[in-house]
Amino acid sequence: MLNYILKRLAEAVVVCIGISVITFLLLHVAGDPVALLLSLEAKAEDAVLLRQSLGLDQPLYVQYWIFVKGLMRLDFGQSLFIREPALDLVLERFPATLELTMAGMLVAVLISIPLGVVAAVRRYSLLDNLCTVFAVSGQAMPVFWLGLMLIIFFAVQVRLLPASGRGTLLHLIMPAITLGASLAPITMRMTRSKMLDILSQEYVRTARAKGLHEKTVLFRHAFLNACIPIVTILGVQFGRLLGGAIVTETVFAWPGLGSLAVSAIRNFDYPLAQAAILMMALIVVLVNLFVDIVVGYLDPRIRFD
């Protein structure tokens, strides 16, 4: 098990290095922040001096090496526009994004797993067909559209929930539902598919032949074995939730890391954008690493392979 964990840690380090290179290059070829920082009356000499003061006149490989040395000290530099340490700004917004992502994950699990189990147990019934319709509709539904529809109904028409912002539990309900609805369909289909496969196995029929209660057969014998691919798909989709959180935060004016990253990219604020993107990438890598370890613990065949 230790060798398995060390191998996954090494792969995670390689992934983080690759993400840092791609993020750095894409941001630096996307635009020049000097044009936004200077006023319209600024002269060409002013642009040269500002570019030199920011270190943007050096070759890209030199700038990247300076960026890497800063990463080793957990120093992403100072935001070009807000004029505060980029890492401090990211850490200030990080709890809001984590809160929204975990709430969306909870909503997805509470919806998808019970529906997937019920759809598998009542195969080809009306309930199973309704669950299939829900899965197809959920995957086809854009996140921003669902968020806007929830705002129009619950905030404008019914006036039951606040339309935007963060503060109380009521502010979290609509963003969490919007985010969770994007993950629930694929998790429900995975749960249903795996449960159908397991319910047809010999050991399940043997358990029923022994006279075990149906709940014992379903949850102790079938569902526990179905948890491995479900845990895997939830871990893989966690990154999708973070990506969806960017759109959700924009729709609901949620003060999280996603909206901060979008603002930094729009303004070509290199230090802040790099800090925000790498933080989200690090979260995804750590979650996938945790899922790999959990799956390896649940299924020894995986870690031995």
C-alpha atoms as a PDB file:
ATOM      1  CA  MET A   1       0.000   0.000   0.000  1.00  0.00           C
ATOM      2  CA  LEU A   2       2.893   2.372   0.775  1.00  0.00           C
ATOM      3  CA  ASN A   3       4.408   1.871  -2.682  1.00  0.00           C
ATOM      4  CA  TYR A   4       0.995   2.542  -4.231  1.00  0.00           C
ATOM      5  CA  ILE A   5       0.654   5.842  -2.296  1.00  0.00           C
ATOM      6  CA  LEU A   6       4.213   6.928  -3.166  1.00  0.00           C
ATOM      7  CA  LYS A   7       3.578   6.225  -6.840  1.00  0.00           C
ATOM      8  CA  ARG A   8       0.401   8.303  -6.780  1.00  0.00           C
ATOM      9  CA  LEU A   9       2.248  11.127  -4.969  1.00  0.00           C
ATOM     10  CA  ALA A  10       4.943  11.152  -7.650  1.00  0.00           C
ATOM     11  CA  GLU A  11       2.311  11.309 -10.380  1.00  0.00           C
ATOM     12  CA  ALA A  12       0.576  14.170  -8.557  1.00  0.00           C
ATOM     13  CA  VAL A  13       3.845  16.162  -8.449  1.00  0.00           C
ATOM     14  CA  VAL A  14       4.377  15.666 -12.186  1.00  0.00           C
ATOM     15  CA  VAL A  15       0.811  16.809 -12.890  1.00  0.00           C
ATOM     16  CA  CYS A  16       1.262  19.955 -10.777  1.00  0.00           C
ATOM     17  CA  ILE A  17       4.486  20.832 -12.622  1.00  0.00           C
ATOM     18  CA  GLY A  18       2.764  20.383 -15.975  1.00  0.00           C
ATOM     19  CA  ILE A  19      -0.162  22.556 -14.887  1.00  0.00           C
ATOM     20  CA  SER A  20       2.191  25.311 -13.726  1.00  0.00           C
ATOM     21  CA  VAL A  21       3.962  25.358 -17.113  1.00  0.00           C
ATOM     22  CA  ILE A  22       0.716  25.391 -19.122  1.00  0.00           C
ATOM     23  CA  THR A  23      -0.866  28.056 -16.908  1.00  0.00           C
ATOM     24  CA  PHE A  24       2.209  30.287 -17.114  1.00  0.00           C
ATOM     25  CA  LEU A  25       2.504  30.047 -20.898  1.00  0.00           C
ATOM     26  CA  LEU A  26      -1.190  30.516 -21.655  1.00  0.00           C
ATOM     27  CA  LEU A  27      -1.487  33.569 -19.438  1.00  0.00           C
ATOM     28  CA  HIS A  28       1.592  35.237 -20.892  1.00  0.00           C
ATOM     29  CA  VAL A  29       0.532  34.752 -24.509  1.00  0.00           C
ATOM     30  CA  ALA A  30      -3.077  35.828 -23.807  1.00  0.00           C
ATOM     31  CA  GLY A  31      -2.394  39.534 -23.322  1.00  0.00           C
ATOM     32  CA  ASP A  32      -0.261  42.276 -21.854  1.00  0.00           C
ATOM     33  CA  PRO A  33      -1.275  43.837 -18.504  1.00  0.00           C
ATOM     34  CA  VAL A  34       0.838  46.921 -19.200  1.00  0.00           C
ATOM     35  CA  ALA A  35      -1.751  48.232 -21.660  1.00  0.00           C
ATOM     36  CA  LEU A  36      -4.410  48.045 -18.945  1.00  0.00           C
ATOM     37  CA  LEU A  37      -2.277  49.504 -16.179  1.00  0.00           C
ATOM     38  CA  LEU A  38      -1.256  52.603 -18.101  1.00  0.00           C
ATOM     39  CA  SER A  39      -3.564  55.493 -18.878  1.00  0.00           C
ATOM     40  CA  LEU A  40      -4.406  56.521 -22.421  1.00  0.00           C
ATOM     41  CA  GLU A  41      -2.071  59.531 -22.141  1.00  0.00           C
ATOM     42  CA  ALA A  42       0.954  57.367 -21.253  1.00  0.00           C
ATOM     43  CA  LYS A  43       3.956  57.440 -23.563  1.00  0.00           C
ATOM     44  CA  ALA A  44       5.882  54.531 -25.033  1.00  0.00           C
ATOM     45  CA  GLU A  45       8.718  55.201 -22.585  1.00  0.00           C
ATOM     46  CA  ASP A  46       6.297  54.756 -19.684  1.00  0.00           C
ATOM     47  CA  ALA A  47       5.270  51.356 -21.010  1.00  0.00           C
ATOM     48  CA  VAL A  48       8.916  50.294 -21.307  1.00  0.00           C
ATOM     49  CA  LEU A  49       9.693  51.392 -17.744  1.00  0.00           C
ATOM     50  CA  LEU A  50       6.598  49.669 -16.335  1.00  0.00           C
ATOM     51  CA  ARG A  51       7.371  46.454 -18.198  1.00  0.00           C
ATOM     52  CA  GLN A  52      10.902  46.523 -16.795  1.00  0.00           C
ATOM     53  CA  SER A  53       9.665  47.144 -13.244  1.00  0.00           C
ATOM     54  CA  LEU A  54       7.297  44.148 -13.500  1.00  0.00           C
ATOM     55  CA  GLY A  55       9.988  41.930 -15.008  1.00  0.00           C
ATOM     56  CA  LEU A  56       7.972  41.381 -18.188  1.00  0.00           C
ATOM     57  CA  ASP A  57      10.835  42.437 -20.438  1.00  0.00           C
ATOM     58  CA  GLN A  58      12.794  39.268 -19.653  1.00  0.00           C
ATOM     59  CA  PRO A  59      12.567  36.042 -21.701  1.00  0.00           C
ATOM     60  CA  LEU A  60       9.747  33.684 -20.826  1.00  0.00           C
ATOM     61  CA  TYR A  61      12.040  30.991 -19.452  1.00  0.00           C
ATOM     62  CA  VAL A  62      13.614  33.530 -17.073  1.00  0.00           C
ATOM     63  CA  GLN A  63      10.184  34.711 -15.945  1.00  0.00           C
ATOM     64  CA  TYR A  64       9.117  31.104 -15.409  1.00  0.00           C
ATOM     65  CA  TRP A  65      12.205  30.338 -13.337  1.00  0.00           C
ATOM     66  CA  ILE A  66      11.480  33.380 -11.161  1.00  0.00           C
ATOM     67  CA  PHE A  67       7.888  32.132 -10.859  1.00  0.00           C
ATOM     68  CA  VAL A  68       9.079  28.652  -9.805  1.00  0.00           C
ATOM     69  CA  LYS A  69      11.468  30.076  -7.207  1.00  0.00           C
ATOM     70  CA  GLY A  70       8.575  32.049  -5.799  1.00  0.00           C
ATOM     71  CA  LEU A  71       6.435  28.895  -5.682  1.00  0.00           C
ATOM     72  CA  MET A  72       9.080  27.180  -3.573  1.00  0.00           C
ATOM     73  CA  ARG A  73       8.609  29.949  -1.008  1.00  0.00           C
ATOM     74  CA  LEU A  74       4.811  29.962  -1.511  1.00  0.00           C
ATOM     75  CA  ASP A  75       5.187  33.444  -2.963  1.00  0.00           C
ATOM     76  CA  PHE A  76       3.050  34.103  -6.039  1.00  0.00           C
ATOM     77  CA  GLY A  77       3.935  37.769  -6.094  1.00  0.00           C
ATOM     78  CA  GLN A  78       1.683  40.775  -5.745  1.00  0.00           C
ATOM     79  CA  SER A  79      -1.520  41.351  -7.661  1.00  0.00           C
ATOM     80  CA  LEU A  80      -0.901  43.879 -10.412  1.00  0.00           C
ATOM     81  CA  PHE A  81      -4.210  45.677  -9.859  1.00  0.00           C
ATOM     82  CA  ILE A  82      -5.239  45.099  -6.233  1.00  0.00           C
ATOM     83  CA  ARG A  83      -1.634  45.554  -5.028  1.00  0.00           C
ATOM     84  CA  GLU A  84      -1.881  42.863  -2.380  1.00  0.00           C
ATOM     85  CA  PRO A  85      -0.153  39.461  -2.132  1.00  0.00           C
ATOM     86  CA  ALA A  86      -1.838  37.115  -4.610  1.00  0.00           C
ATOM     87  CA  LEU A  87      -1.776  34.133  -2.264  1.00  0.00           C
ATOM     88  CA  ASP A  88      -3.528  36.112   0.488  1.00  0.00           C
ATOM     89  CA  LEU A  89      -6.322  37.080  -1.914  1.00  0.00           C
ATOM     90  CA  VAL A  90      -6.716  33.463  -3.033  1.00  0.00           C
ATOM     91  CA  LEU A  91      -6.797  32.107   0.519  1.00  0.00           C
ATOM     92  CA  GLU A  92      -9.391  34.738   1.408  1.00  0.00           C
ATOM     93  CA  ARG A  93     -11.732  33.511  -1.341  1.00  0.00           C
ATOM     94  CA  PHE A  94     -10.920  29.810  -1.045  1.00  0.00           C
ATOM     95  CA  PRO A  95     -13.344  28.976   1.841  1.00  0.00           C
ATOM     96  CA  ALA A  96     -16.303  30.284  -0.164  1.00  0.00           C
ATOM     97  CA  THR A  97     -15.476  28.080  -3.167  1.00  0.00           C
ATOM     98  CA  LEU A  98     -14.833  25.051  -0.966  1.00  0.00           C
ATOM     99  CA  GLU A  99     -18.141  25.615   0.824  1.00  0.00           C
ATOM    100  CA  LEU A 100     -20.044  25.844  -2.456  1.00  0.00           C
ATOM    101  CA  THR A 101     -18.298  22.823  -4.005  1.00  0.00           C
ATOM    102  CA  MET A 102     -18.854  20.594  -0.980  1.00  0.00           C
ATOM    103  CA  ALA A 103     -22.497  21.682  -0.770  1.00  0.00           C
ATOM    104  CA  GLY A 104     -22.945  20.904  -4.470  1.00  0.00           C
ATOM    105  CA  MET A 105     -21.307  17.510  -3.980  1.00  0.00           C
ATOM    106  CA  LEU A 106     -23.642  16.781  -1.043  1.00  0.00           C
ATOM    107  CA  VAL A 107     -26.701  17.724  -3.102  1.00  0.00           C
ATOM    108  CA  ALA A 108     -25.533  15.507  -5.965  1.00  0.00           C
ATOM    109  CA  VAL A 109     -24.926  12.509  -3.679  1.00  0.00           C
ATOM    110  CA  LEU A 110     -28.254  12.878  -1.853  1.00  0.00           C
ATOM    111  CA  ILE A 111     -30.113  12.998  -5.168  1.00  0.00           C
ATOM    112  CA  SER A 112     -28.201  10.597  -7.387  1.00  0.00           C
ATOM    113  CA  ILE A 113     -27.369   7.594  -5.211  1.00  0.00           C
ATOM    114  CA  PRO A 114     -30.909   6.920  -3.867  1.00  0.00           C
ATOM    115  CA  LEU A 115     -32.375   7.414  -7.352  1.00  0.00           C
ATOM    116  CA  GLY A 116     -29.735   5.149  -8.893  1.00  0.00           C
ATOM    117  CA  VAL A 117     -30.397   2.361  -6.371  1.00  0.00           C
ATOM    118  CA  VAL A 118     -34.169   2.616  -6.747  1.00  0.00           C
ATOM    119  CA  ALA A 119     -33.920   2.686 -10.559  1.00  0.00           C
ATOM    120  CA  ALA A 120     -31.787  -0.468 -10.499  1.00  0.00           C
ATOM    121  CA  VAL A 121     -34.097  -2.316  -8.094  1.00  0.00           C
ATOM    122  CA  ARG A 122     -37.204  -1.324 -10.093  1.00  0.00           C
ATOM    123  CA  ARG A 123     -35.700  -1.842 -13.515  1.00  0.00           C
ATOM    124  CA  TYR A 124     -37.806  -0.738 -16.524  1.00  0.00           C
ATOM    125  CA  SER A 125     -40.583   0.528 -14.237  1.00  0.00           C
ATOM    126  CA  LEU A 126     -42.153   3.976 -14.486  1.00  0.00           C
ATOM    127  CA  LEU A 127     -39.822   5.215 -11.750  1.00  0.00           C
ATOM    128  CA  ASP A 128     -36.807   3.924 -13.668  1.00  0.00           C
ATOM    129  CA  ASN A 129     -37.983   5.724 -16.806  1.00  0.00           C
ATOM    130  CA  LEU A 130     -38.488   8.947 -14.848  1.00  0.00           C
ATOM    131  CA  CYS A 131     -34.972   8.654 -13.434  1.00  0.00           C
ATOM    132  CA  THR A 132     -33.627   8.205 -16.966  1.00  0.00           C
ATOM    133  CA  VAL A 133     -35.472  11.330 -18.099  1.00  0.00           C
ATOM    134  CA  PHE A 134     -33.997  13.204 -15.126  1.00  0.00           C
ATOM    135  CA  ALA A 135     -30.480  12.025 -16.008  1.00  0.00           C
ATOM    136  CA  VAL A 136     -30.748  13.017 -19.664  1.00  0.00           C
ATOM    137  CA  SER A 137     -32.348  16.380 -18.837  1.00  0.00           C
ATOM    138  CA  GLY A 138     -29.767  17.137 -16.164  1.00  0.00           C
ATOM    139  CA  GLN A 139     -26.834  16.482 -18.462  1.00  0.00           C
ATOM    140  CA  ALA A 140     -28.361  18.586 -21.248  1.00  0.00           C
ATOM    141  CA  MET A 141     -29.213  21.508 -18.966  1.00  0.00           C
ATOM    142  CA  PRO A 142     -26.616  24.340 -18.903  1.00  0.00           C
ATOM    143  CA  VAL A 143     -25.511  25.347 -15.420  1.00  0.00           C
ATOM    144  CA  PHE A 144     -26.042  29.060 -16.002  1.00  0.00           C
ATOM    145  CA  TRP A 145     -29.571  28.516 -17.366  1.00  0.00           C
ATOM    146  CA  LEU A 146     -30.637  26.500 -14.332  1.00  0.00           C
ATOM    147  CA  GLY A 147     -29.173  29.131 -12.028  1.00  0.00           C
ATOM    148  CA  LEU A 148     -31.069  31.912 -13.778  1.00  0.00           C
ATOM    149  CA  MET A 149     -34.330  29.938 -13.678  1.00  0.00           C
ATOM    150  CA  LEU A 150     -33.930  29.349  -9.938  1.00  0.00           C
ATOM    151  CA  ILE A 151     -33.299  33.049  -9.381  1.00  0.00           C
ATOM    152  CA  ILE A 152     -36.346  34.050 -11.419  1.00  0.00           C
ATOM    153  CA  PHE A 153     -38.635  31.654  -9.555  1.00  0.00           C
ATOM    154  CA  PHE A 154     -37.379  31.529  -5.962  1.00  0.00           C
ATOM    155  CA  ALA A 155     -35.910  35.038  -5.678  1.00  0.00           C
ATOM    156  CA  VAL A 156     -38.071  37.148  -8.007  1.00  0.00           C
ATOM    157  CA  GLN A 157     -41.470  35.405  -8.172  1.00  0.00           C
ATOM    158  CA  VAL A 158     -41.757  33.646  -4.814  1.00  0.00           C
ATOM    159  CA  ARG A 159     -39.216  35.853  -2.979  1.00  0.00           C
ATOM    160  CA  LEU A 160     -38.246  32.946  -0.789  1.00  0.00           C
ATOM    161  CA  LEU A 161     -34.468  32.944  -1.251  1.00  0.00           C
ATOM    162  CA  PRO A 162     -31.861  35.691  -1.758  1.00  0.00           C
ATOM    163  CA  ALA A 163     -30.803  36.121  -5.376  1.00  0.00           C
ATOM    164  CA  SER A 164     -27.080  36.591  -4.815  1.00  0.00           C
ATOM    165  CA  GLY A 165     -24.293  36.987  -2.309  1.00  0.00           C
ATOM    166  CA  ARG A 166     -22.958  34.852   0.528  1.00  0.00           C
ATOM    167  CA  GLY A 167     -23.796  34.984   4.198  1.00  0.00           C
ATOM    168  CA  THR A 168     -26.492  32.703   5.531  1.00  0.00           C
ATOM    169  CA  LEU A 169     -27.564  29.164   4.692  1.00  0.00           C
ATOM    170  CA  LEU A 170     -30.329  30.587   2.509  1.00  0.00           C
ATOM    171  CA  HIS A 171     -27.699  32.147   0.231  1.00  0.00           C
ATOM    172  CA  LEU A 172     -26.162  28.698  -0.298  1.00  0.00           C
ATOM    173  CA  ILE A 173     -29.293  26.773  -1.303  1.00  0.00           C
ATOM    174  CA  MET A 174     -29.735  27.865  -4.921  1.00  0.00           C
ATOM    175  CA  PRO A 175     -26.013  27.799  -5.869  1.00  0.00           C
ATOM    176  CA  ALA A 176     -25.624  24.350  -4.287  1.00  0.00           C
ATOM    177  CA  ILE A 177     -28.652  22.983  -6.161  1.00  0.00           C
ATOM    178  CA  THR A 178     -27.387  24.485  -9.418  1.00  0.00           C
ATOM    179  CA  LEU A 179     -23.951  22.960  -8.966  1.00  0.00           C
ATOM    180  CA  GLY A 180     -25.183  19.605  -7.654  1.00  0.00           C
ATOM    181  CA  ALA A 181     -27.654  19.199 -10.516  1.00  0.00           C
ATOM    182  CA  SER A 182     -24.748  19.136 -12.986  1.00  0.00           C
ATOM    183  CA  LEU A 183     -23.119  16.165 -11.208  1.00  0.00           C
ATOM    184  CA  ALA A 184     -26.196  14.181 -10.139  1.00  0.00           C
ATOM    185  CA  PRO A 185     -27.159  12.695 -13.569  1.00  0.00           C
ATOM    186  CA  ILE A 186     -23.843  10.980 -14.324  1.00  0.00           C
ATOM    187  CA  THR A 187     -23.541   9.704 -10.738  1.00  0.00           C
ATOM    188  CA  MET A 188     -27.091   8.352 -10.862  1.00  0.00           C
ATOM    189  CA  ARG A 189     -26.430   6.536 -14.135  1.00  0.00           C
ATOM    190  CA  MET A 190     -23.211   5.063 -12.769  1.00  0.00           C
ATOM    191  CA  THR A 191     -24.990   3.891  -9.592  1.00  0.00           C
ATOM    192  CA  ARG A 192     -27.819   2.318 -11.573  1.00  0.00           C
ATOM    193  CA  SER A 193     -25.473   0.594 -14.030  1.00  0.00           C
ATOM    194  CA  LYS A 194     -23.217  -0.838 -11.347  1.00  0.00           C
ATOM    195  CA  MET A 195     -26.127  -1.948  -9.154  1.00  0.00           C
ATOM    196  CA  LEU A 196     -27.719  -3.760 -12.104  1.00  0.00           C
ATOM    197  CA  ASP A 197     -24.440  -5.531 -12.781  1.00  0.00           C
ATOM    198  CA  ILE A 198     -23.976  -6.586  -9.157  1.00  0.00           C
ATOM    199  CA  LEU A 199     -27.592  -7.657  -8.614  1.00  0.00           C
ATOM    200  CA  SER A 200     -27.151 -10.222 -11.378  1.00  0.00           C
ATOM    201  CA  GLN A 201     -24.102 -11.813  -9.715  1.00  0.00           C
ATOM    202  CA  GLU A 202     -24.167 -15.298  -8.230  1.00  0.00           C
ATOM    203  CA  TYR A 203     -23.328 -14.225  -4.683  1.00  0.00           C
ATOM    204  CA  VAL A 204     -26.337 -11.893  -4.596  1.00  0.00           C
ATOM    205  CA  ARG A 205     -28.649 -14.694  -5.706  1.00  0.00           C
ATOM    206  CA  THR A 206     -27.022 -16.959  -3.115  1.00  0.00           C
ATOM    207  CA  ALA A 207     -27.627 -14.361  -0.386  1.00  0.00           C
ATOM    208  CA  ARG A 208     -31.280 -14.169  -1.358  1.00  0.00           C
ATOM    209  CA  ALA A 209     -31.556 -17.963  -1.465  1.00  0.00           C
ATOM    210  CA  LYS A 210     -30.261 -18.106   2.100  1.00  0.00           C
ATOM    211  CA  GLY A 211     -33.262 -16.037   3.161  1.00  0.00           C
ATOM    212  CA  LEU A 212     -31.454 -12.786   3.978  1.00  0.00           C
ATOM    213  CA  HIS A 213     -33.607  -9.686   4.204  1.00  0.00           C
ATOM    214  CA  GLU A 214     -33.797  -7.701   0.961  1.00  0.00           C
ATOM    215  CA  LYS A 215     -32.325  -4.594   2.610  1.00  0.00           C
ATOM    216  CA  THR A 216     -29.339  -6.648   3.785  1.00  0.00           C
ATOM    217  CA  VAL A 217     -28.810  -8.002   0.293  1.00  0.00           C
ATOM    218  CA  LEU A 218     -29.089  -4.571  -1.321  1.00  0.00           C
ATOM    219  CA  PHE A 219     -26.928  -2.526   1.021  1.00  0.00           C
ATOM    220  CA  ARG A 220     -24.475  -4.973   2.591  1.00  0.00           C
ATOM    221  CA  HIS A 221     -23.800  -7.165  -0.427  1.00  0.00           C
ATOM    222  CA  ALA A 222     -24.686  -5.099  -3.501  1.00  0.00           C
ATOM    223  CA  PHE A 223     -24.278  -1.413  -2.671  1.00  0.00           C
ATOM    224  CA  LEU A 224     -20.974  -1.759  -0.805  1.00  0.00           C
ATOM    225  CA  ASN A 225     -19.429  -3.410  -3.860  1.00  0.00           C
ATOM    226  CA  ALA A 226     -20.893  -0.709  -6.079  1.00  0.00           C
ATOM    227  CA  CYS A 227     -19.240   2.025  -4.002  1.00  0.00           C
ATOM    228  CA  ILE A 228     -15.834   1.654  -5.678  1.00  0.00           C
ATOM    229  CA  PRO A 229     -16.802   3.050  -9.121  1.00  0.00           C
ATOM    230  CA  ILE A 230     -19.134   5.581  -7.453  1.00  0.00           C
ATOM    231  CA  VAL A 231     -16.311   6.956  -5.306  1.00  0.00           C
ATOM    232  CA  THR A 232     -14.098   7.067  -8.381  1.00  0.00           C
ATOM    233  CA  ILE A 233     -16.606   8.989 -10.479  1.00  0.00           C
ATOM    234  CA  LEU A 234     -17.262  11.445  -7.636  1.00  0.00           C
ATOM    235  CA  GLY A 235     -13.552  12.143  -7.356  1.00  0.00           C
ATOM    236  CA  VAL A 236     -13.157  12.605 -11.099  1.00  0.00           C
ATOM    237  CA  GLN A 237     -16.195  14.878 -11.242  1.00  0.00           C
ATOM    238  CA  PHE A 238     -14.924  17.036  -8.379  1.00  0.00           C
ATOM    239  CA  GLY A 239     -12.831  18.938 -10.889  1.00  0.00           C
ATOM    240  CA  ARG A 240     -15.939  19.448 -13.005  1.00  0.00           C
ATOM    241  CA  LEU A 241     -17.680  20.890  -9.963  1.00  0.00           C
ATOM    242  CA  LEU A 242     -14.870  23.394  -9.502  1.00  0.00           C
ATOM    243  CA  GLY A 243     -15.202  24.358 -13.150  1.00  0.00           C
ATOM    244  CA  GLY A 244     -18.948  24.658 -12.750  1.00  0.00           C
ATOM    245  CA  ALA A 245     -18.396  26.704  -9.618  1.00  0.00           C
ATOM    246  CA  ILE A 246     -16.847  29.439 -11.762  1.00  0.00           C
ATOM    247  CA  VAL A 247     -20.078  29.793 -13.742  1.00  0.00           C
ATOM    248  CA  THR A 248     -22.254  29.378 -10.648  1.00  0.00           C
ATOM    249  CA  GLU A 249     -20.288  31.998  -8.718  1.00  0.00           C
ATOM    250  CA  THR A 250     -20.713  34.417 -11.597  1.00  0.00           C
ATOM    251  CA  VAL A 251     -24.481  33.836 -11.831  1.00  0.00           C
ATOM    252  CA  PHE A 252     -25.093  34.165  -8.086  1.00  0.00           C
ATOM    253  CA  ALA A 253     -22.366  36.766  -7.392  1.00  0.00           C
ATOM    254  CA  TRP A 254     -20.779  34.271  -5.013  1.00  0.00           C
ATOM    255  CA  PRO A 255     -17.474  35.721  -3.731  1.00  0.00           C
ATOM    256  CA  GLY A 256     -15.372  32.649  -4.387  1.00  0.00           C
ATOM    257  CA  LEU A 257     -12.164  31.634  -6.069  1.00  0.00           C
ATOM    258  CA  GLY A 258     -13.771  31.114  -9.469  1.00  0.00           C
ATOM    259  CA  SER A 259     -15.009  34.692  -9.827  1.00  0.00           C
ATOM    260  CA  LEU A 260     -11.623  35.940  -8.623  1.00  0.00           C
ATOM    261  CA  ALA A 261      -9.854  33.843 -11.285  1.00  0.00           C
ATOM    262  CA  VAL A 262     -12.163  35.121 -14.042  1.00  0.00           C
ATOM    263  CA  SER A 263     -11.523  38.737 -13.003  1.00  0.00           C
ATOM    264  CA  ALA A 264      -7.750  38.159 -12.869  1.00  0.00           C
ATOM    265  CA  ILE A 265      -7.677  36.507 -16.309  1.00  0.00           C
ATOM    266  CA  ARG A 266      -9.788  39.290 -17.800  1.00  0.00           C
ATOM    267  CA  ASN A 267      -7.346  41.900 -16.476  1.00  0.00           C
ATOM    268  CA  PHE A 268      -4.228  39.848 -17.357  1.00  0.00           C
ATOM    269  CA  ASP A 269      -3.269  39.939 -13.699  1.00  0.00           C
ATOM    270  CA  TYR A 270      -0.596  37.240 -14.013  1.00  0.00           C
ATOM    271  CA  PRO A 271       0.287  36.673 -10.325  1.00  0.00           C
ATOM    272  CA  LEU A 272      -3.320  36.550  -9.153  1.00  0.00           C
ATOM    273  CA  ALA A 273      -4.533  34.390 -12.057  1.00  0.00           C
ATOM    274  CA  GLN A 274      -1.645  31.944 -11.605  1.00  0.00           C
ATOM    275  CA  ALA A 275      -2.299  31.679  -7.868  1.00  0.00           C
ATOM    276  CA  ALA A 276      -6.043  31.105  -8.347  1.00  0.00           C
ATOM    277  CA  ILE A 277      -5.678  28.546 -11.157  1.00  0.00           C
ATOM    278  CA  LEU A 278      -2.913  26.618  -9.431  1.00  0.00           C
ATOM    279  CA  MET A 279      -4.897  26.541  -6.198  1.00  0.00           C
ATOM    280  CA  MET A 280      -7.903  25.011  -8.002  1.00  0.00           C
ATOM    281  CA  ALA A 281      -5.632  22.587  -9.841  1.00  0.00           C
ATOM    282  CA  LEU A 282      -3.970  21.579  -6.577  1.00  0.00           C
ATOM    283  CA  ILE A 283      -7.373  20.886  -5.022  1.00  0.00           C
ATOM    284  CA  VAL A 284      -8.338  18.641  -7.946  1.00  0.00           C
ATOM    285  CA  VAL A 285      -5.007  16.775  -7.792  1.00  0.00           C
ATOM    286  CA  LEU A 286      -5.283  16.241  -4.026  1.00  0.00           C
ATOM    287  CA  VAL A 287      -8.875  15.042  -4.286  1.00  0.00           C
ATOM    288  CA  ASN A 288      -7.967  12.593  -7.055  1.00  0.00           C
ATOM    289  CA  LEU A 289      -5.013  11.407  -4.978  1.00  0.00           C
ATOM    290  CA  PHE A 290      -7.307  10.857  -2.009  1.00  0.00           C
ATOM    291  CA  VAL A 291      -9.784   8.954  -4.206  1.00  0.00           C
ATOM    292  CA  ASP A 292      -6.992   6.757  -5.581  1.00  0.00           C
ATOM    293  CA  ILE A 293      -5.911   5.894  -2.049  1.00  0.00           C
ATOM    294  CA  VAL A 294      -9.488   5.168  -0.926  1.00  0.00           C
ATOM    295  CA  VAL A 295     -10.184   3.004  -3.984  1.00  0.00           C
ATOM    296  CA  GLY A 296      -6.881   1.180  -3.487  1.00  0.00           C
ATOM    297  CA  TYR A 297      -7.880   0.489   0.107  1.00  0.00           C
ATOM    298  CA  LEU A 298     -11.357  -0.728  -0.885  1.00  0.00           C
ATOM    299  CA  ASP A 299     -10.116  -2.892  -3.761  1.00  0.00           C
ATOM    300  CA  PRO A 300      -6.684  -4.505  -3.179  1.00  0.00           C
ATOM    301  CA  ARG A 301      -6.541  -5.605  -6.831  1.00  0.00           C
ATOM    302  CA  ILE A 302      -6.020  -2.004  -7.915  1.00  0.00           C
ATOM    303  CA  ARG A 303      -3.045  -1.265  -5.665  1.00  0.00           C
ATOM    304  CA  PHE A 304      -1.442  -4.624  -6.460  1.00  0.00           C
ATOM    305  CA  ASP A 305      -1.705  -3.950 -10.198  1.00  0.00           C
END
